[in-house]
C-alpha atoms as a PDB file:
ATOM      1  CA  MET A   1     -68.214  41.447 -17.361  1.00  0.00           C
ATOM      2  CA  ALA A   2     -69.612  43.903 -14.849  1.00  0.00           C
ATOM      3  CA  THR A   3     -71.802  46.801 -15.944  1.00  0.00           C
ATOM      4  CA  SER A   4     -69.836  50.056 -16.009  1.00  0.00           C
ATOM      5  CA  LYS A   5     -70.679  53.723 -16.150  1.00  0.00           C
ATOM      6  CA  HIS A   6     -69.476  56.947 -17.689  1.00  0.00           C
ATOM      7  CA  ALA A   7     -67.163  59.053 -15.543  1.00  0.00           C
ATOM      8  CA  GLY A   8     -70.093  61.268 -14.623  1.00  0.00           C
ATOM      9  CA  GLY A   9     -72.003  58.288 -13.258  1.00  0.00           C
ATOM     10  CA  ARG A  10     -74.624  57.943 -16.019  1.00  0.00           C
ATOM     11  CA  PRO A  11     -75.221  54.239 -16.811  1.00  0.00           C
ATOM     12  CA  ARG A  12     -74.151  53.216 -20.285  1.00  0.00           C
ATOM     13  CA  GLU A  13     -76.663  51.635 -22.601  1.00  0.00           C
ATOM     14  CA  GLN A  14     -76.622  47.936 -21.718  1.00  0.00           C
ATOM     15  CA  ARG A  15     -77.649  46.865 -25.224  1.00  0.00           C
ATOM     16  CA  VAL A  16     -74.517  48.440 -26.708  1.00  0.00           C
ATOM     17  CA  ASP A  17     -72.280  46.957 -23.996  1.00  0.00           C
ATOM     18  CA  THR A  18     -73.697  43.509 -24.675  1.00  0.00           C
ATOM     19  CA  ALA A  19     -73.365  43.881 -28.452  1.00  0.00           C
ATOM     20  CA  ILE A  20     -69.714  44.963 -28.166  1.00  0.00           C
ATOM     21  CA  ALA A  21     -68.857  42.093 -25.821  1.00  0.00           C
ATOM     22  CA  ALA A  22     -70.505  39.553 -28.117  1.00  0.00           C
ATOM     23  CA  ALA A  23     -68.742  41.052 -31.142  1.00  0.00           C
ATOM     24  CA  VAL A  24     -65.310  40.850 -29.491  1.00  0.00           C
ATOM     25  CA  ARG A  25     -65.820  37.147 -28.827  1.00  0.00           C
ATOM     26  CA  ALA A  26     -67.202  36.547 -32.317  1.00  0.00           C
ATOM     27  CA  VAL A  27     -64.316  38.285 -34.095  1.00  0.00           C
ATOM     28  CA  ILE A  28     -61.714  36.471 -31.998  1.00  0.00           C
ATOM     29  CA  GLY A  29     -63.494  33.183 -32.653  1.00  0.00           C
ATOM     30  CA  GLU A  30     -63.387  33.791 -36.408  1.00  0.00           C
ATOM     31  CA  SER A  31     -60.088  35.645 -36.894  1.00  0.00           C
ATOM     32  CA  GLY A  32     -58.117  35.211 -33.689  1.00  0.00           C
ATOM     33  CA  TYR A  33     -56.672  38.028 -31.625  1.00  0.00           C
ATOM     34  CA  ALA A  34     -54.470  39.125 -34.541  1.00  0.00           C
ATOM     35  CA  GLY A  35     -57.608  39.805 -36.587  1.00  0.00           C
ATOM     36  CA  LEU A  36     -59.360  41.733 -33.839  1.00  0.00           C
ATOM     37  CA  THR A  37     -59.805  45.417 -34.708  1.00  0.00           C
ATOM     38  CA  VAL A  38     -62.118  48.140 -33.510  1.00  0.00           C
ATOM     39  CA  ASP A  39     -63.489  48.367 -37.066  1.00  0.00           C
ATOM     40  CA  ALA A  40     -64.343  44.667 -37.083  1.00  0.00           C
ATOM     41  CA  VAL A  41     -65.962  44.819 -33.653  1.00  0.00           C
ATOM     42  CA  ALA A  42     -68.009  47.891 -34.585  1.00  0.00           C
ATOM     43  CA  ALA A  43     -69.236  46.255 -37.794  1.00  0.00           C
ATOM     44  CA  THR A  44     -70.094  42.985 -36.066  1.00  0.00           C
ATOM     45  CA  ALA A  45     -71.828  44.726 -33.166  1.00  0.00           C
ATOM     46  CA  GLY A  46     -73.727  47.097 -35.448  1.00  0.00           C
ATOM     47  CA  VAL A  47     -72.488  50.168 -33.564  1.00  0.00           C
ATOM     48  CA  GLY A  48     -70.334  53.136 -34.462  1.00  0.00           C
ATOM     49  CA  LYS A  49     -66.642  53.211 -33.568  1.00  0.00           C
ATOM     50  CA  ALA A  50     -67.358  56.246 -31.414  1.00  0.00           C
ATOM     51  CA  SER A  51     -69.535  54.068 -29.172  1.00  0.00           C
ATOM     52  CA  ILE A  52     -66.570  51.783 -28.582  1.00  0.00           C
ATOM     53  CA  TYR A  53     -64.093  54.596 -27.959  1.00  0.00           C
ATOM     54  CA  ARG A  54     -66.451  56.171 -25.432  1.00  0.00           C
ATOM     55  CA  ARG A  55     -66.040  52.968 -23.446  1.00  0.00           C
ATOM     56  CA  TYR A  56     -62.489  51.879 -24.184  1.00  0.00           C
ATOM     57  CA  ALA A  57     -59.465  53.978 -25.067  1.00  0.00           C
ATOM     58  CA  THR A  58     -57.736  51.145 -26.961  1.00  0.00           C
ATOM     59  CA  LYS A  59     -58.386  47.767 -28.529  1.00  0.00           C
ATOM     60  CA  GLN A  60     -56.413  46.185 -25.700  1.00  0.00           C
ATOM     61  CA  GLU A  61     -58.582  47.751 -22.992  1.00  0.00           C
ATOM     62  CA  MET A  62     -61.702  46.613 -24.812  1.00  0.00           C
ATOM     63  CA  THR A  63     -60.379  43.056 -25.054  1.00  0.00           C
ATOM     64  CA  PHE A  64     -59.248  42.880 -21.434  1.00  0.00           C
ATOM     65  CA  ALA A  65     -62.510  44.307 -20.093  1.00  0.00           C
ATOM     66  CA  VAL A  66     -64.666  41.937 -22.147  1.00  0.00           C
ATOM     67  CA  LEU A  67     -62.667  38.742 -21.696  1.00  0.00           C
ATOM     68  CA  LEU A  68     -61.149  39.135 -18.227  1.00  0.00           C
ATOM     69  CA  HIS A  69     -62.539  41.816 -15.933  1.00  0.00           C
ATOM     70  CA  ASP A  70     -63.547  45.427 -16.236  1.00  0.00           C
ATOM     71  CA  LEU A  71     -63.013  48.310 -13.822  1.00  0.00           C
ATOM     72  CA  ARG A  72     -66.157  47.502 -11.850  1.00  0.00           C
ATOM     73  CA  GLU A  73     -64.889  44.121 -10.703  1.00  0.00           C
ATOM     74  CA  GLU A  74     -66.030  43.485  -7.127  1.00  0.00           C
ATOM     75  CA  SER A  75     -64.572  41.531  -4.223  1.00  0.00           C
ATOM     76  CA  PRO A  76     -66.009  38.048  -3.627  1.00  0.00           C
ATOM     77  CA  ALA A  77     -68.602  37.861  -0.875  1.00  0.00           C
ATOM     78  CA  ASP A  78     -67.222  37.498   2.648  1.00  0.00           C
ATOM     79  CA  THR A  79     -67.043  33.758   3.344  1.00  0.00           C
ATOM     80  CA  GLY A  80     -65.998  34.211   6.961  1.00  0.00           C
ATOM     81  CA  THR A  81     -62.445  32.914   6.564  1.00  0.00           C
ATOM     82  CA  LEU A  82     -59.305  33.965   4.713  1.00  0.00           C
ATOM     83  CA  HIS A  83     -59.065  30.570   3.032  1.00  0.00           C
ATOM     84  CA  GLY A  84     -62.673  30.784   1.864  1.00  0.00           C
ATOM     85  CA  ASP A  85     -62.183  34.284   0.505  1.00  0.00           C
ATOM     86  CA  LEU A  86     -58.969  33.348  -1.320  1.00  0.00           C
ATOM     87  CA  SER A  87     -60.600  30.216  -2.743  1.00  0.00           C
ATOM     88  CA  ALA A  88     -63.462  32.303  -4.119  1.00  0.00           C
ATOM     89  CA  LEU A  89     -61.025  34.785  -5.641  1.00  0.00           C
ATOM     90  CA  THR A  90     -58.737  32.177  -7.196  1.00  0.00           C
ATOM     91  CA  GLU A  91     -61.757  30.386  -8.664  1.00  0.00           C
ATOM     92  CA  GLN A  92     -62.793  33.701 -10.204  1.00  0.00           C
ATOM     93  CA  ILE A  93     -59.304  34.293 -11.604  1.00  0.00           C
ATOM     94  CA  ALA A  94     -59.136  30.758 -13.022  1.00  0.00           C
ATOM     95  CA  GLU A  95     -62.489  31.185 -14.735  1.00  0.00           C
ATOM     96  CA  GLN A  96     -61.373  34.472 -16.262  1.00  0.00           C
ATOM     97  CA  LEU A  97     -58.041  33.096 -17.502  1.00  0.00           C
ATOM     98  CA  ARG A  98     -59.406  29.949 -19.109  1.00  0.00           C
ATOM     99  CA  GLY A  99     -62.143  31.787 -21.006  1.00  0.00           C
ATOM    100  CA  PRO A 100     -60.165  33.636 -23.705  1.00  0.00           C
ATOM    101  CA  GLY A 101     -57.642  30.910 -24.509  1.00  0.00           C
ATOM    102  CA  ALA A 102     -53.863  30.950 -24.369  1.00  0.00           C
ATOM    103  CA  GLY A 103     -53.372  32.431 -27.846  1.00  0.00           C
ATOM    104  CA  THR A 104     -55.603  35.428 -27.219  1.00  0.00           C
ATOM    105  CA  LEU A 105     -54.106  36.261 -23.843  1.00  0.00           C
ATOM    106  CA  THR A 106     -50.558  35.832 -25.119  1.00  0.00           C
ATOM    107  CA  GLY A 107     -51.217  38.310 -27.928  1.00  0.00           C
ATOM    108  CA  LEU A 108     -53.007  40.763 -25.648  1.00  0.00           C
ATOM    109  CA  LEU A 109     -50.271  40.756 -23.025  1.00  0.00           C
ATOM    110  CA  ALA A 110     -47.574  41.076 -25.706  1.00  0.00           C
ATOM    111  CA  ASP A 111     -49.285  44.235 -26.952  1.00  0.00           C
ATOM    112  CA  ILE A 112     -49.453  45.650 -23.439  1.00  0.00           C
ATOM    113  CA  ARG A 113     -45.831  44.857 -22.626  1.00  0.00           C
ATOM    114  CA  ALA A 114     -44.583  46.332 -25.912  1.00  0.00           C
ATOM    115  CA  ASP A 115     -46.038  49.789 -25.202  1.00  0.00           C
ATOM    116  CA  PRO A 116     -44.720  51.510 -22.020  1.00  0.00           C
ATOM    117  CA  GLU A 117     -47.620  53.966 -21.919  1.00  0.00           C
ATOM    118  CA  LEU A 118     -50.185  51.197 -22.307  1.00  0.00           C
ATOM    119  CA  ARG A 119     -48.373  49.071 -19.724  1.00  0.00           C
ATOM    120  CA  THR A 120     -48.511  51.911 -17.192  1.00  0.00           C
ATOM    121  CA  ARG A 121     -52.178  52.517 -17.974  1.00  0.00           C
ATOM    122  CA  PHE A 122     -53.038  48.882 -17.337  1.00  0.00           C
ATOM    123  CA  ALA A 123     -51.078  48.821 -14.088  1.00  0.00           C
ATOM    124  CA  GLU A 124     -52.975  51.875 -12.860  1.00  0.00           C
ATOM    125  CA  THR A 125     -56.380  50.547 -13.910  1.00  0.00           C
ATOM    126  CA  PHE A 126     -57.088  46.848 -14.374  1.00  0.00           C
ATOM    127  CA  LEU A 127     -54.232  45.524 -12.218  1.00  0.00           C
ATOM    128  CA  ALA A 128     -54.996  48.077  -9.518  1.00  0.00           C
ATOM    129  CA  VAL A 129     -58.606  46.886  -9.367  1.00  0.00           C
ATOM    130  CA  GLU A 130     -57.544  43.289  -8.711  1.00  0.00           C
ATOM    131  CA  ARG A 131     -54.938  44.446  -6.197  1.00  0.00           C
ATOM    132  CA  GLY A 132     -57.596  46.476  -4.407  1.00  0.00           C
ATOM    133  CA  ILE A 133     -59.774  43.361  -4.157  1.00  0.00           C
ATOM    134  CA  ILE A 134     -56.885  41.445  -2.594  1.00  0.00           C
ATOM    135  CA  THR A 135     -56.354  44.290  -0.121  1.00  0.00           C
ATOM    136  CA  THR A 136     -60.013  44.034   0.884  1.00  0.00           C
ATOM    137  CA  LEU A 137     -59.659  40.285   1.522  1.00  0.00           C
ATOM    138  CA  LEU A 138     -56.501  40.806   3.574  1.00  0.00           C
ATOM    139  CA  ASP A 139     -58.147  43.525   5.641  1.00  0.00           C
ATOM    140  CA  ARG A 140     -61.065  41.189   6.367  1.00  0.00           C
ATOM    141  CA  ALA A 141     -58.594  38.622   7.678  1.00  0.00           C
ATOM    142  CA  ILE A 142     -56.939  41.216   9.910  1.00  0.00           C
ATOM    143  CA  THR A 143     -60.333  42.208  11.321  1.00  0.00           C
ATOM    144  CA  ARG A 144     -61.094  38.540  12.083  1.00  0.00           C
ATOM    145  CA  GLY A 145     -57.714  38.106  13.762  1.00  0.00           C
ATOM    146  CA  GLU A 146     -56.425  35.642  11.160  1.00  0.00           C
ATOM    147  CA  LEU A 147     -53.585  37.988  10.180  1.00  0.00           C
ATOM    148  CA  THR A 148     -51.583  40.402  12.318  1.00  0.00           C
ATOM    149  CA  HIS A 149     -50.662  42.749   9.473  1.00  0.00           C
ATOM    150  CA  ARG A 150     -51.336  43.339   5.806  1.00  0.00           C
ATOM    151  CA  PRO A 151     -48.542  42.084   3.531  1.00  0.00           C
ATOM    152  CA  ASP A 152     -47.760  43.644   0.173  1.00  0.00           C
ATOM    153  CA  ALA A 153     -50.931  43.075  -1.872  1.00  0.00           C
ATOM    154  CA  ALA A 154     -48.905  42.888  -5.096  1.00  0.00           C
ATOM    155  CA  LEU A 155     -46.879  39.997  -3.707  1.00  0.00           C
ATOM    156  CA  VAL A 156     -50.078  38.173  -2.731  1.00  0.00           C
ATOM    157  CA  GLN A 157     -51.425  38.939  -6.215  1.00  0.00           C
ATOM    158  CA  ALA A 158     -48.367  37.265  -7.719  1.00  0.00           C
ATOM    159  CA  LEU A 159     -48.781  34.205  -5.481  1.00  0.00           C
ATOM    160  CA  LEU A 160     -52.412  33.794  -6.527  1.00  0.00           C
ATOM    161  CA  LEU A 161     -52.135  34.639 -10.215  1.00  0.00           C
ATOM    162  CA  GLY A 162     -48.757  33.085 -11.021  1.00  0.00           C
ATOM    163  CA  PRO A 163     -49.570  29.349 -10.821  1.00  0.00           C
ATOM    164  CA  LEU A 164     -52.912  29.777 -12.582  1.00  0.00           C
ATOM    165  CA  PHE A 165     -51.366  31.867 -15.357  1.00  0.00           C
ATOM    166  CA  ALA A 166     -48.534  29.365 -15.776  1.00  0.00           C
ATOM    167  CA  TRP A 167     -50.913  26.378 -15.940  1.00  0.00           C
ATOM    168  CA  LEU A 168     -53.434  27.881 -18.351  1.00  0.00           C
ATOM    169  CA  ILE A 169     -51.348  30.247 -20.488  1.00  0.00           C
ATOM    170  CA  VAL A 170     -47.641  29.383 -20.348  1.00  0.00           C
ATOM    171  CA  LEU A 171     -48.003  25.600 -20.147  1.00  0.00           C
ATOM    172  CA  ASP A 172     -51.422  25.509 -21.878  1.00  0.00           C
ATOM    173  CA  GLU A 173     -52.482  22.589 -19.701  1.00  0.00           C
ATOM    174  CA  ASP A 174     -55.912  21.062 -19.099  1.00  0.00           C
ATOM    175  CA  SER A 175     -58.302  23.882 -18.194  1.00  0.00           C
ATOM    176  CA  ALA A 176     -60.649  21.364 -16.569  1.00  0.00           C
ATOM    177  CA  ARG A 177     -58.180  21.160 -13.679  1.00  0.00           C
ATOM    178  CA  ALA A 178     -58.110  24.921 -13.169  1.00  0.00           C
ATOM    179  CA  THR A 179     -60.665  24.982 -10.341  1.00  0.00           C
ATOM    180  CA  GLU A 180     -58.819  22.254  -8.478  1.00  0.00           C
ATOM    181  CA  LEU A 181     -55.565  24.174  -8.934  1.00  0.00           C
ATOM    182  CA  ALA A 182     -57.272  27.369  -7.744  1.00  0.00           C
ATOM    183  CA  HIS A 183     -58.199  25.713  -4.449  1.00  0.00           C
ATOM    184  CA  LEU A 184     -54.644  24.404  -4.057  1.00  0.00           C
ATOM    185  CA  VAL A 185     -53.222  27.870  -4.694  1.00  0.00           C
ATOM    186  CA  ALA A 186     -55.626  29.356  -2.136  1.00  0.00           C
ATOM    187  CA  THR A 187     -54.551  26.790   0.461  1.00  0.00           C
ATOM    188  CA  VAL A 188     -50.841  27.414  -0.117  1.00  0.00           C
ATOM    189  CA  ALA A 189     -51.323  31.182   0.010  1.00  0.00           C
ATOM    190  CA  THR A 190     -53.419  30.957   3.190  1.00  0.00           C
ATOM    191  CA  ASN A 191     -50.767  28.833   4.899  1.00  0.00           C
ATOM    192  CA  ALA A 192     -48.010  31.238   3.894  1.00  0.00           C
ATOM    193  CA  LEU A 193     -49.990  34.274   5.059  1.00  0.00           C
ATOM    194  CA  THR A 194     -51.111  32.869   8.403  1.00  0.00           C
ATOM    195  CA  ALA A 195     -47.586  31.603   9.130  1.00  0.00           C
ATOM    196  CA  ASN A 196     -46.192  35.105   8.440  1.00  0.00           C
ATOM    197  CA  LEU A 197     -43.883  33.723   5.750  1.00  0.00           C
ATOM    198  CA  LEU A 198     -44.255  36.752   3.482  1.00  0.00           C
ATOM    199  CA  PRO A 199     -41.781  39.604   3.941  1.00  0.00           C
ATOM    200  CA  THR A 200     -43.044  42.597   5.875  1.00  0.00           C
ATOM    201  CA  GLU A 201     -41.471  45.161   3.572  1.00  0.00           C
ATOM    202  CA  THR A 202     -43.148  46.374   0.401  1.00  0.00           C
ATOM    203  CA  TRP A 203     -41.743  44.943  -2.806  1.00  0.00           C
ATOM    204  CA  SER A 204     -44.020  46.634  -5.334  1.00  0.00           C
ATOM    205  CA  THR A 205     -44.506  50.047  -6.876  1.00  0.00           C
ATOM    206  CA  PRO A 206     -47.726  51.582  -5.493  1.00  0.00           C
ATOM    207  CA  VAL A 207     -50.630  51.914  -7.914  1.00  0.00           C
ATOM    208  CA  THR A 208     -53.981  53.598  -7.394  1.00  0.00           C
ATOM    209  CA  ALA A 209     -57.281  51.980  -8.299  1.00  0.00           C
ATOM    210  CA  PRO A 210     -59.323  54.138 -10.711  1.00  0.00           C
ATOM    211  CA  ASP A 211     -62.467  55.994  -9.722  1.00  0.00           C
ATOM    212  CA  ALA A 212     -63.971  55.753 -13.204  1.00  0.00           C
ATOM    213  CA  VAL A 213     -63.638  53.934 -16.502  1.00  0.00           C
ATOM    214  CA  PRO A 214     -60.574  55.313 -18.355  1.00  0.00           C
ATOM    215  CA  GLY A 215     -60.697  57.349 -21.504  1.00  0.00           C
ATOM    216  CA  ARG A 216     -64.211  58.738 -21.059  1.00  0.00           C
END
């Protein structure tokens, strides 16, 4: 999980961030996602609930940021090729998805989908961050001459995330094969992109990546 800051730019206390992250994992390990509460995390971390709510507006945001990626997620280093960049990104996604376990992610995503306001908030924050990273990788490829135009980043996001999510969460298959699958997904996506197989029109609803951590 990347280090984040308050909206005003002041670095948060790293000790508290670390304690909260460790507490989230500990509570889930003991009680599962269903038993995860802000009260339990605060007690386990030895911090006040206010310290958590200064960082995360909801339990779901706290869980997603700790177990998957926070709003300071950065693009993989430039490898020099589109395939290399996509391989690095899909490896990163695979590592994030296999960490929490299928049960935790299923419960977390069910919570998000059940609440329209929370669903919109996630689309405009966490999903927008990942989509912005994909846009950066596509723009690198255009600069190199590997691509002639930038396709819909959300469609590319679906191509990269879909097989990994299905393997690890929906099918609950062997996580040891996730890295191998990530490379396969990157190869398929690269071939589709460089062959101009993706539609030129935009399929998705635009979202804006956040400038600061939400709810602060």
